[in-house]
Amino acid sequence: MTLLKDIDDLTPRKIVEELDKYIIGQKDAKKAVAIALRNRTRRKQLSEAMRDEIAPKNIIMIGPTGVGKTEIARRLAKLCKAPFVKVEATKYTEVGYVGRDVESMVRDLLNVAVNMVKGELRESVISEGERRTREIILKSLLPETKTALKKEAMNMPDYSDTKDKMAYLLDEGKLDDRFIEIITTTNASPMVEIFSGTGLEGMGINMSDLGGIFGGGRQKKKRVTVAQAKKIILDQEIEKLLDMDKVIETALFRVENEGIIFIDEIDKVAVKSRNSSGAEVSREGVQRDLLPIVEGSQVNTKYGPVKTDHILFIAAGAFNMSKPSDLIPELQGRFPIRVELQSLSKDDFVAILTTPKNALILQYKELLRTEGVELTFTEDAIDLLAEYANTVNGEMENIGARRLHTIMEKLLEDVSFNAPEMEEKSVEVNKEFVNNALKNIIENRDLSKYIL
């Protein structure tokens, strides 16, 4: 079994270039994650004995909200098509408390990987799945009266066989609105896991599914349109056609060798005082529970055990109320690479509005184009928007690039509202337009606090 070949072609420089298409600035952070990803390619070229000794160098990103911490990790995972999951450190509780235990992040990662592999293998069985779906729907339709069929069969080739006529109408989409009764199956879990410290949530079992485990899956009749039935039955047939042993084997390998877990808000579980009690004790407990997973341990899942030794962990936090040194020393040691992300400047805001593939201005242009409205922005308007965003971030809470979303929504509020009825379908956003929409709010600090 091999890793995805695309990763081999991604040099650190190419990775940074790809990230630059979506994320402005933050060169140090991009460089760190690019090296971490490239090290995976280097590792698999080593001998098996040496390969097991090379552990991933986990990363902590430190910086205010809205500067690109999450986006860097998310784009990195998309770039290398690796299993990726983003979790919030604050959602976990220490073992023994009510809540999610930290091992569930590994189970979530494996579920993502299984779905990824299913999606990739779907193409190889979709033709057979569509054929089976067609046959099942035809069987449901055939009891229909011939009178109804004749009415819909006008202006079509003359077929002698009723099934052929029905198949023709089905293929043409003329029966999509007709209701039929189908049988849907809820698959039972492949196994019941019993191991200490894990509840039903960890085993991937819902209470409503317990009957299905012992009854071989639940079946129920459902009345739906033919169009809906096509999708439901196709998904069921593809599930039957997929080799689940192969899916699980591939998914387990990908998670153990390519998986990326992004732990956000890591600073919120940092304990500032060593003499704390109550909630802070629980937060320190979460850190202790994270230790074996980040260092490398085995986590039991419904698909089998997962080794976390070579999963890459990227943690992030603003650390405005605490410092990385407030984390327990053992956990600090598990994240050897620390990268500080810089606050965004006015020039960064200009670039965010115009440069990336998913630039904010481009998004609004495309949205309003669906209403027939052509939106144009002058350079002085873009410059002023960036200046306003920078000013408000400086005077109030610094929420980074997210401030631009707030400002753009307020700026184009009237245009968005009136777009369907507008007679003049061309709108130029210039400096005067921006000032009319935002100047009073920016200058009035009380208004800014609640609106922007």
Protein backbone atom coordinates (compact mmCIF):
# COMPACT_ATOMS: atom_id res chain seq x y z
CA MET A 1 0.00 0.00 0.00
CA THR A 2 1.30 3.46 -0.89
CA LEU A 3 0.56 7.03 0.01
CA LEU A 4 -1.06 9.34 -2.50
CA LYS A 5 1.45 10.03 -5.29
CA ASP A 6 0.56 13.73 -5.50
CA ILE A 7 2.35 14.39 -2.21
CA ASP A 8 5.70 13.34 -3.69
CA ASP A 9 5.65 16.22 -6.16
CA LEU A 10 4.99 18.86 -3.51
CA THR A 11 8.27 20.48 -2.56
CA PRO A 12 8.16 22.90 0.38
CA ARG A 13 8.37 25.83 -2.04
CA LYS A 14 5.44 24.51 -4.09
CA ILE A 15 3.39 23.97 -0.93
CA VAL A 16 3.96 27.57 0.14
CA GLU A 17 3.05 28.79 -3.38
CA GLU A 18 -0.22 26.85 -3.21
CA LEU A 19 -1.03 28.25 0.24
CA ASP A 20 -0.25 31.77 -1.04
CA LYS A 21 -3.19 31.44 -3.44
CA TYR A 22 -5.62 31.48 -0.50
CA ILE A 23 -3.79 32.93 2.51
CA ILE A 24 -2.11 36.33 2.73
CA GLY A 25 1.19 36.70 4.60
CA GLN A 26 2.22 34.40 7.48
CA LYS A 27 5.35 33.13 5.69
CA ASP A 28 6.81 31.53 8.84
CA ALA A 29 3.71 29.43 9.49
CA LYS A 30 3.47 28.34 5.86
CA LYS A 31 7.14 27.39 5.88
CA ALA A 32 6.73 25.29 9.04
CA VAL A 33 3.75 23.30 7.75
CA ALA A 34 5.39 22.85 4.33
CA ILE A 35 8.48 21.30 5.94
CA ALA A 36 6.29 19.07 8.14
CA LEU A 37 4.43 17.81 5.08
CA ARG A 38 7.60 17.26 3.06
CA ASN A 39 9.10 15.26 5.91
CA ARG A 40 6.34 12.72 5.38
CA THR A 41 7.51 12.17 1.82
CA ARG A 42 11.11 11.84 3.02
CA ARG A 43 10.09 9.42 5.77
CA LYS A 44 8.43 6.90 3.46
CA GLN A 45 11.62 6.64 1.39
CA LEU A 46 13.55 5.33 4.40
CA SER A 47 13.99 1.72 5.44
CA GLU A 48 11.14 0.29 7.50
CA ALA A 49 13.24 0.20 10.68
CA MET A 50 14.24 3.85 10.36
CA ARG A 51 10.75 4.89 9.22
CA ASP A 52 9.25 3.87 12.54
CA GLU A 53 11.80 6.00 14.42
CA ILE A 54 10.93 9.25 12.61
CA ALA A 55 8.16 11.00 14.50
CA PRO A 56 6.28 14.02 13.07
CA LYS A 57 7.31 17.42 14.45
CA ASN A 58 4.05 18.79 15.80
CA ILE A 59 3.40 22.52 15.51
CA ILE A 60 1.86 25.19 17.74
CA MET A 61 0.61 28.31 15.93
CA ILE A 62 0.37 31.39 18.12
CA GLY A 63 -1.52 34.43 16.93
CA PRO A 64 -4.74 36.46 17.21
CA THR A 65 -8.01 35.29 15.74
CA GLY A 66 -8.65 35.78 12.04
CA VAL A 67 -5.03 35.76 10.81
CA GLY A 68 -5.12 32.38 9.06
CA LYS A 69 -4.25 29.67 11.61
CA THR A 70 -7.17 27.38 10.82
CA GLU A 71 -7.12 28.19 7.10
CA ILE A 72 -3.46 27.17 6.77
CA ALA A 73 -4.15 23.73 8.28
CA ARG A 74 -7.37 23.26 6.29
CA ARG A 75 -5.79 24.19 2.95
CA LEU A 76 -2.78 22.01 3.72
CA ALA A 77 -5.01 18.97 4.21
CA LYS A 78 -6.90 19.70 0.97
CA LEU A 79 -3.63 20.15 -0.87
CA CYS A 80 -2.30 16.71 0.03
CA LYS A 81 -5.75 15.04 0.15
CA ALA A 82 -5.02 13.84 3.65
CA PRO A 83 -7.60 12.89 6.31
CA PHE A 84 -8.09 16.08 8.31
CA VAL A 85 -10.21 16.98 11.30
CA LYS A 86 -10.47 20.27 13.21
CA VAL A 87 -11.37 20.00 16.88
CA GLU A 88 -11.81 22.51 19.70
CA ALA A 89 -9.73 21.76 22.79
CA THR A 90 -12.49 23.25 24.97
CA LYS A 91 -14.99 20.57 23.88
CA TYR A 92 -13.11 17.78 25.66
CA THR A 93 -13.21 16.75 29.29
CA GLU A 94 -10.89 14.74 31.47
CA VAL A 95 -11.59 11.01 31.67
CA GLY A 96 -14.11 10.47 34.47
CA TYR A 97 -16.06 13.66 33.71
CA VAL A 98 -19.23 13.81 31.60
CA GLY A 99 -18.34 14.85 28.05
CA ARG A 100 -16.19 13.83 25.11
CA ASP A 101 -12.85 12.20 25.80
CA VAL A 102 -9.83 13.23 23.74
CA GLU A 103 -9.62 9.85 21.97
CA SER A 104 -12.79 10.75 20.07
CA MET A 105 -10.75 13.11 17.87
CA VAL A 106 -8.92 10.07 16.46
CA ARG A 107 -12.21 8.28 15.89
CA ASP A 108 -13.54 11.37 14.09
CA LEU A 109 -10.41 11.41 11.91
CA LEU A 110 -10.92 7.76 10.96
CA ASN A 111 -14.56 8.41 10.04
CA VAL A 112 -13.39 11.22 7.73
CA ALA A 113 -10.83 8.86 6.14
CA VAL A 114 -13.43 6.11 5.60
CA ASN A 115 -15.73 8.57 3.84
CA MET A 116 -12.81 9.85 1.72
CA VAL A 117 -11.89 6.33 0.57
CA LYS A 118 -15.54 5.49 -0.11
CA GLY A 119 -15.79 8.60 -2.28
CA GLU A 120 -12.69 7.60 -4.26
CA LEU A 121 -13.85 3.99 -4.79
CA ARG A 122 -17.38 5.11 -5.66
CA GLU A 123 -16.33 5.87 -9.26
CA SER A 124 -15.34 2.25 -9.84
CA VAL A 125 -18.75 0.86 -8.89
CA ILE A 126 -21.13 3.67 -9.84
CA SER A 127 -22.06 2.18 -13.23
CA GLU A 128 -23.16 -1.10 -11.67
CA GLY A 129 -24.90 0.82 -8.88
CA GLU A 130 -26.88 2.88 -11.40
CA ARG A 131 -27.90 -0.29 -13.28
CA ARG A 132 -29.15 -1.91 -10.07
CA THR A 133 -30.93 1.29 -9.05
CA ARG A 134 -32.74 1.39 -12.39
CA GLU A 135 -33.91 -2.21 -12.02
CA ILE A 136 -35.19 -1.68 -8.47
CA ILE A 137 -37.15 1.45 -9.44
CA LEU A 138 -38.62 -0.30 -12.50
CA LYS A 139 -39.87 -3.14 -10.29
CA SER A 140 -41.58 -0.58 -8.05
CA LEU A 141 -43.13 1.21 -11.03
CA LEU A 142 -44.43 -1.79 -12.99
CA PRO A 143 -47.55 -2.35 -10.84
CA GLU A 144 -48.72 1.07 -12.12
CA THR A 145 -51.80 0.91 -14.37
CA LYS A 146 -51.30 0.81 -18.11
CA THR A 147 -53.78 3.67 -18.56
CA ALA A 148 -51.53 6.13 -16.71
CA LEU A 149 -48.58 4.85 -18.67
CA LYS A 150 -50.28 5.44 -22.03
CA LYS A 151 -50.96 9.09 -21.22
CA GLU A 152 -47.29 9.73 -20.50
CA ALA A 153 -46.12 7.55 -23.37
CA MET A 154 -47.48 9.79 -26.11
CA ASN A 155 -44.98 11.13 -28.65
CA MET A 156 -42.46 8.40 -27.97
CA PRO A 157 -41.23 5.40 -30.00
CA ASP A 158 -43.59 2.42 -30.03
CA TYR A 159 -42.34 -0.26 -27.63
CA SER A 160 -44.20 -3.54 -27.34
CA ASP A 161 -42.93 -4.42 -23.91
CA THR A 162 -44.37 -2.54 -20.90
CA LYS A 163 -41.05 -2.63 -19.05
CA ASP A 164 -39.26 -1.03 -22.02
CA LYS A 165 -41.84 1.73 -22.10
CA MET A 166 -41.46 2.36 -18.41
CA ALA A 167 -37.66 2.27 -18.72
CA TYR A 168 -37.84 4.84 -21.51
CA LEU A 169 -39.93 7.20 -19.38
CA LEU A 170 -37.62 6.66 -16.41
CA ASP A 171 -34.49 7.44 -18.46
CA GLU A 172 -36.13 10.56 -19.90
CA GLY A 173 -36.92 11.81 -16.39
CA LYS A 174 -40.68 11.92 -17.09
CA LEU A 175 -41.45 9.86 -13.98
CA ASP A 176 -39.34 11.88 -11.53
CA ASP A 177 -42.38 13.41 -9.81
CA ARG A 178 -44.25 10.11 -9.38
CA PHE A 179 -44.35 8.62 -5.88
CA ILE A 180 -43.20 5.07 -5.22
CA GLU A 181 -42.65 2.96 -2.12
CA ILE A 182 -39.09 1.78 -1.43
CA ILE A 183 -37.41 -0.18 1.33
CA THR A 184 -34.53 1.55 3.10
CA THR A 185 -32.04 -0.32 5.25
CA THR A 186 -30.15 1.00 8.25
CA ASN A 187 -26.88 -0.90 8.36
CA ALA A 188 -25.87 -2.40 11.68
CA SER A 189 -22.48 -1.64 13.13
CA PRO A 190 -19.84 -4.15 11.98
CA MET A 191 -18.94 -5.07 15.53
CA VAL A 192 -19.71 -4.24 19.13
CA GLU A 193 -16.64 -2.96 20.92
CA ILE A 194 -16.32 -3.21 24.65
CA PHE A 195 -13.32 -1.49 26.13
CA SER A 196 -12.75 0.57 29.19
CA GLY A 197 -13.25 4.31 29.28
CA THR A 198 -15.37 4.47 26.13
CA GLY A 199 -19.10 5.01 25.98
CA LEU A 200 -21.54 4.39 23.15
CA GLU A 201 -20.43 7.63 21.48
CA GLY A 202 -16.86 6.33 21.29
CA MET A 203 -18.03 3.02 19.85
CA GLY A 204 -19.89 4.83 17.08
CA ILE A 205 -23.24 3.45 18.23
CA ASN A 206 -26.46 5.40 18.75
CA MET A 207 -29.06 4.11 21.19
CA SER A 208 -31.58 3.89 18.33
CA ASP A 209 -29.22 1.52 16.49
CA LEU A 210 -28.83 -1.03 19.28
CA GLY A 211 -31.80 -3.03 18.01
CA GLY A 212 -30.24 -3.14 14.54
CA ILE A 213 -27.00 -4.63 15.87
CA PHE A 214 -28.77 -7.72 17.10
CA GLY A 215 -31.40 -7.78 14.35
CA GLY A 216 -29.08 -7.53 11.32
CA GLY A 217 -30.08 -4.02 10.27
CA ARG A 218 -33.47 -2.31 10.29
CA GLN A 219 -35.66 -2.11 7.21
CA LYS A 220 -38.54 0.28 6.74
CA LYS A 221 -40.80 1.30 3.91
CA LYS A 222 -40.66 4.86 2.70
CA ARG A 223 -42.82 6.71 0.18
CA VAL A 224 -40.73 9.07 -1.96
CA THR A 225 -40.63 10.52 -5.47
CA VAL A 226 -38.72 8.65 -8.19
CA ALA A 227 -36.11 11.44 -8.21
CA GLN A 228 -35.51 10.99 -4.47
CA ALA A 229 -35.54 7.18 -4.82
CA LYS A 230 -32.77 7.31 -7.41
CA LYS A 231 -30.40 8.93 -4.92
CA ILE A 232 -31.42 6.82 -1.89
CA ILE A 233 -31.24 3.49 -3.72
CA LEU A 234 -28.01 4.39 -5.53
CA ASP A 235 -26.30 5.16 -2.21
CA GLN A 236 -27.54 1.85 -0.76
CA GLU A 237 -26.42 -0.17 -3.78
CA ILE A 238 -22.99 1.48 -3.89
CA GLU A 239 -22.59 0.69 -0.17
CA LYS A 240 -23.29 -2.98 -0.97
CA LEU A 241 -20.86 -3.01 -3.90
CA LEU A 242 -17.95 -1.45 -2.00
CA ASP A 243 -15.39 -3.81 -0.50
CA MET A 244 -15.56 -2.55 3.08
CA ASP A 245 -12.51 -4.56 4.14
CA LYS A 246 -10.47 -2.71 1.53
CA VAL A 247 -12.05 0.63 2.49
CA ILE A 248 -11.22 0.16 6.18
CA GLU A 249 -7.69 -1.10 5.50
CA THR A 250 -6.93 1.90 3.25
CA ALA A 251 -8.53 4.36 5.66
CA LEU A 252 -6.57 3.01 8.63
CA PHE A 253 -3.31 3.28 6.68
CA ARG A 254 -4.06 6.83 5.59
CA VAL A 255 -4.95 7.97 9.10
CA GLU A 256 -1.83 6.44 10.63
CA ASN A 257 0.54 7.81 7.97
CA GLU A 258 -1.12 10.94 6.55
CA GLY A 259 -3.66 12.07 9.15
CA ILE A 260 -3.69 15.67 10.38
CA ILE A 261 -5.49 16.74 13.55
CA PHE A 262 -5.88 20.48 14.08
CA ILE A 263 -6.50 21.33 17.75
CA ASP A 264 -7.89 24.86 17.98
CA GLU A 265 -8.20 26.98 21.14
CA ILE A 266 -5.36 25.07 22.82
CA ASP A 267 -4.69 28.19 24.90
CA LYS A 268 -8.09 27.82 26.60
CA VAL A 269 -6.95 24.65 28.37
CA ALA A 270 -3.67 26.24 29.54
CA VAL A 271 -3.53 26.63 33.32
CA LYS A 272 -1.91 29.85 34.50
CA SER A 273 -1.47 28.90 38.14
CA ARG A 274 -0.12 25.67 39.57
CA ASN A 275 -2.38 26.08 42.63
CA SER A 276 -5.66 26.08 40.71
CA SER A 277 -8.79 24.09 41.42
CA GLY A 278 -12.20 23.32 39.92
CA ALA A 279 -12.51 23.96 36.19
CA GLU A 280 -8.78 24.61 35.81
CA VAL A 281 -7.98 21.20 37.25
CA SER A 282 -10.21 19.67 34.57
CA ARG A 283 -8.40 21.68 31.88
CA GLU A 284 -5.08 20.36 33.10
CA GLY A 285 -6.61 16.88 32.98
CA VAL A 286 -7.43 17.40 29.29
CA GLN A 287 -3.77 18.25 28.69
CA ARG A 288 -2.68 15.08 30.46
CA ASP A 289 -5.12 13.02 28.39
CA LEU A 290 -3.74 14.59 25.21
CA LEU A 291 -0.18 13.52 26.05
CA PRO A 292 -0.33 9.83 25.09
CA ILE A 293 -2.28 10.54 21.90
CA VAL A 294 0.12 13.22 20.69
CA GLU A 295 3.17 11.19 21.69
CA GLY A 296 1.86 8.01 20.12
CA SER A 297 -0.57 5.42 21.45
CA GLN A 298 -3.25 3.03 20.26
CA VAL A 299 -6.87 4.17 20.11
CA ASN A 300 -9.65 1.62 19.75
CA THR A 301 -12.34 2.42 17.17
CA LYS A 302 -15.25 0.56 15.61
CA TYR A 303 -13.04 -0.10 12.56
CA GLY A 304 -10.13 -1.43 14.56
CA PRO A 305 -7.18 -0.02 16.54
CA VAL A 306 -5.43 3.14 15.28
CA LYS A 307 -1.82 3.99 16.13
CA THR A 308 -1.28 7.74 16.53
CA ASP A 309 2.54 7.68 16.38
CA HIS A 310 2.73 9.34 12.94
CA ILE A 311 -0.37 11.54 12.93
CA LEU A 312 0.60 15.22 12.56
CA PHE A 313 -0.88 17.44 15.29
CA ILE A 314 -1.17 21.17 14.67
CA ALA A 315 -2.35 23.18 17.68
CA ALA A 316 -3.37 26.83 17.59
CA GLY A 317 -4.38 29.51 20.03
CA ALA A 318 -4.42 33.27 20.50
CA PHE A 319 -2.65 33.01 23.89
CA ASN A 320 -3.82 36.51 24.82
CA MET A 321 -4.88 35.42 28.33
CA SER A 322 -2.14 32.83 28.79
CA LYS A 323 1.24 31.80 27.37
CA PRO A 324 2.48 28.58 25.74
CA SER A 325 4.60 28.12 28.87
CA ASP A 326 1.33 27.79 30.86
CA LEU A 327 0.75 24.42 29.20
CA ILE A 328 2.08 21.51 31.25
CA PRO A 329 5.77 20.92 30.38
CA GLU A 330 5.17 17.43 29.02
CA LEU A 331 2.69 18.75 26.44
CA GLN A 332 4.97 21.63 25.48
CA GLY A 333 7.62 19.05 24.65
CA ARG A 334 5.25 17.24 22.28
CA PHE A 335 4.98 20.40 20.14
CA PRO A 336 8.60 21.23 19.31
CA ILE A 337 7.84 23.76 16.56
CA ARG A 338 6.32 27.10 17.56
CA VAL A 339 5.27 29.66 14.98
CA GLU A 340 4.01 33.14 15.74
CA LEU A 341 1.50 34.57 13.26
CA GLN A 342 1.50 38.31 12.78
CA SER A 343 -1.49 40.64 13.07
CA LEU A 344 -2.78 41.84 9.71
CA SER A 345 -1.81 45.27 8.41
CA LYS A 346 -3.67 47.60 6.04
CA ASP A 347 -1.70 46.22 3.07
CA ASP A 348 -2.69 42.68 4.11
CA PHE A 349 -6.36 43.70 4.10
CA VAL A 350 -6.00 45.15 0.58
CA ALA A 351 -4.45 41.86 -0.56
CA ILE A 352 -7.18 39.78 1.14
CA LEU A 353 -9.83 41.77 -0.70
CA THR A 354 -8.24 41.33 -4.12
CA THR A 355 -5.50 38.70 -4.40
CA PRO A 356 -6.56 35.16 -3.29
CA LYS A 357 -8.52 32.79 -5.53
CA ASN A 358 -11.41 33.18 -3.11
CA ALA A 359 -10.93 36.96 -2.68
CA LEU A 360 -13.74 38.62 -0.75
CA ILE A 361 -14.57 41.13 -3.49
CA LEU A 362 -14.76 38.32 -6.07
CA GLN A 363 -17.21 36.43 -3.83
CA TYR A 364 -19.57 39.42 -3.62
CA LYS A 365 -19.30 40.09 -7.36
CA GLU A 366 -20.30 36.51 -8.17
CA LEU A 367 -23.15 36.50 -5.64
CA LEU A 368 -24.72 39.67 -7.06
CA ARG A 369 -24.11 38.57 -10.65
CA THR A 370 -26.75 35.89 -10.05
CA GLU A 371 -29.24 38.80 -9.78
CA GLY A 372 -27.86 40.40 -12.95
CA VAL A 373 -26.01 43.10 -10.98
CA GLU A 374 -22.48 43.96 -12.13
CA LEU A 375 -20.39 45.16 -9.20
CA THR A 376 -17.12 47.06 -9.69
CA PHE A 377 -14.70 48.39 -7.07
CA THR A 378 -12.31 51.30 -7.59
CA GLU A 379 -8.80 51.17 -6.11
CA ASP A 380 -9.45 54.07 -3.73
CA ALA A 381 -12.56 52.27 -2.42
CA ILE A 382 -10.58 49.10 -1.73
CA ASP A 383 -7.86 51.14 -0.03
CA LEU A 384 -10.43 52.86 2.18
CA LEU A 385 -12.12 49.59 3.13
CA ALA A 386 -8.75 48.20 4.19
CA GLU A 387 -8.03 51.35 6.20
CA TYR A 388 -11.39 51.14 7.97
CA ALA A 389 -10.87 47.46 8.82
CA ASN A 390 -7.42 48.20 10.20
CA THR A 391 -8.74 51.16 12.24
CA VAL A 392 -11.63 49.27 13.81
CA ASN A 393 -9.36 46.29 14.65
CA GLY A 394 -6.94 48.68 16.32
CA GLU A 395 -9.57 50.49 18.39
CA MET A 396 -11.62 47.47 19.40
CA GLU A 397 -11.08 43.71 19.55
CA ASN A 398 -8.67 42.55 16.85
CA ILE A 399 -10.59 39.88 14.93
CA GLY A 400 -8.28 39.89 11.93
CA ALA A 401 -9.65 39.25 8.45
CA ARG A 402 -13.11 38.51 9.84
CA ARG A 403 -13.53 42.27 10.27
CA LEU A 404 -13.66 42.58 6.48
CA HIS A 405 -16.70 40.31 6.34
CA THR A 406 -18.53 42.59 8.77
CA ILE A 407 -17.56 45.74 6.86
CA MET A 408 -18.41 44.29 3.44
CA GLU A 409 -21.84 43.13 4.62
CA LYS A 410 -22.64 46.58 5.98
CA LEU A 411 -21.25 48.27 2.85
CA LEU A 412 -23.38 46.24 0.42
CA GLU A 413 -26.44 45.83 2.61
CA ASP A 414 -28.73 48.06 0.51
CA VAL A 415 -27.41 46.73 -2.80
CA SER A 416 -27.99 43.12 -1.70
CA PHE A 417 -31.49 43.94 -0.46
CA ASN A 418 -32.59 45.83 -3.57
CA ALA A 419 -30.72 43.75 -6.18
CA PRO A 420 -33.75 41.82 -7.55
CA GLU A 421 -35.75 45.04 -8.22
CA MET A 422 -32.90 47.31 -9.32
CA GLU A 423 -33.33 48.94 -12.72
CA GLU A 424 -29.72 50.10 -12.91
CA LYS A 425 -27.85 46.81 -12.90
CA SER A 426 -24.35 48.32 -12.79
CA VAL A 427 -23.01 49.44 -9.41
CA GLU A 428 -19.64 51.13 -8.92
CA VAL A 429 -18.27 51.09 -5.39
CA ASN A 430 -15.97 54.11 -5.12
CA LYS A 431 -14.55 56.13 -2.23
CA GLU A 432 -17.71 58.23 -1.93
CA PHE A 433 -19.90 55.10 -1.84
CA VAL A 434 -17.77 53.64 0.99
CA ASN A 435 -17.82 56.89 2.98
CA ASN A 436 -21.59 57.25 2.67
CA ALA A 437 -22.13 53.72 3.92
CA LEU A 438 -19.51 53.50 6.67
CA LYS A 439 -18.00 56.85 7.71
CA ASN A 440 -20.56 57.74 10.40
CA ILE A 441 -20.40 54.27 11.91
CA ILE A 442 -16.58 54.20 11.93
CA GLU A 443 -16.33 57.64 13.56
CA ASN A 444 -18.99 56.91 16.18
CA ARG A 445 -17.26 54.48 18.52
CA ASP A 446 -20.49 53.50 20.27
CA LEU A 447 -22.05 52.50 16.94
CA SER A 448 -18.87 50.74 15.80
CA LYS A 449 -18.85 48.63 18.92
CA TYR A 450 -22.25 47.12 18.10
CA ILE A 451 -22.37 47.19 14.29
CA LEU A 452 -18.80 46.49 13.17
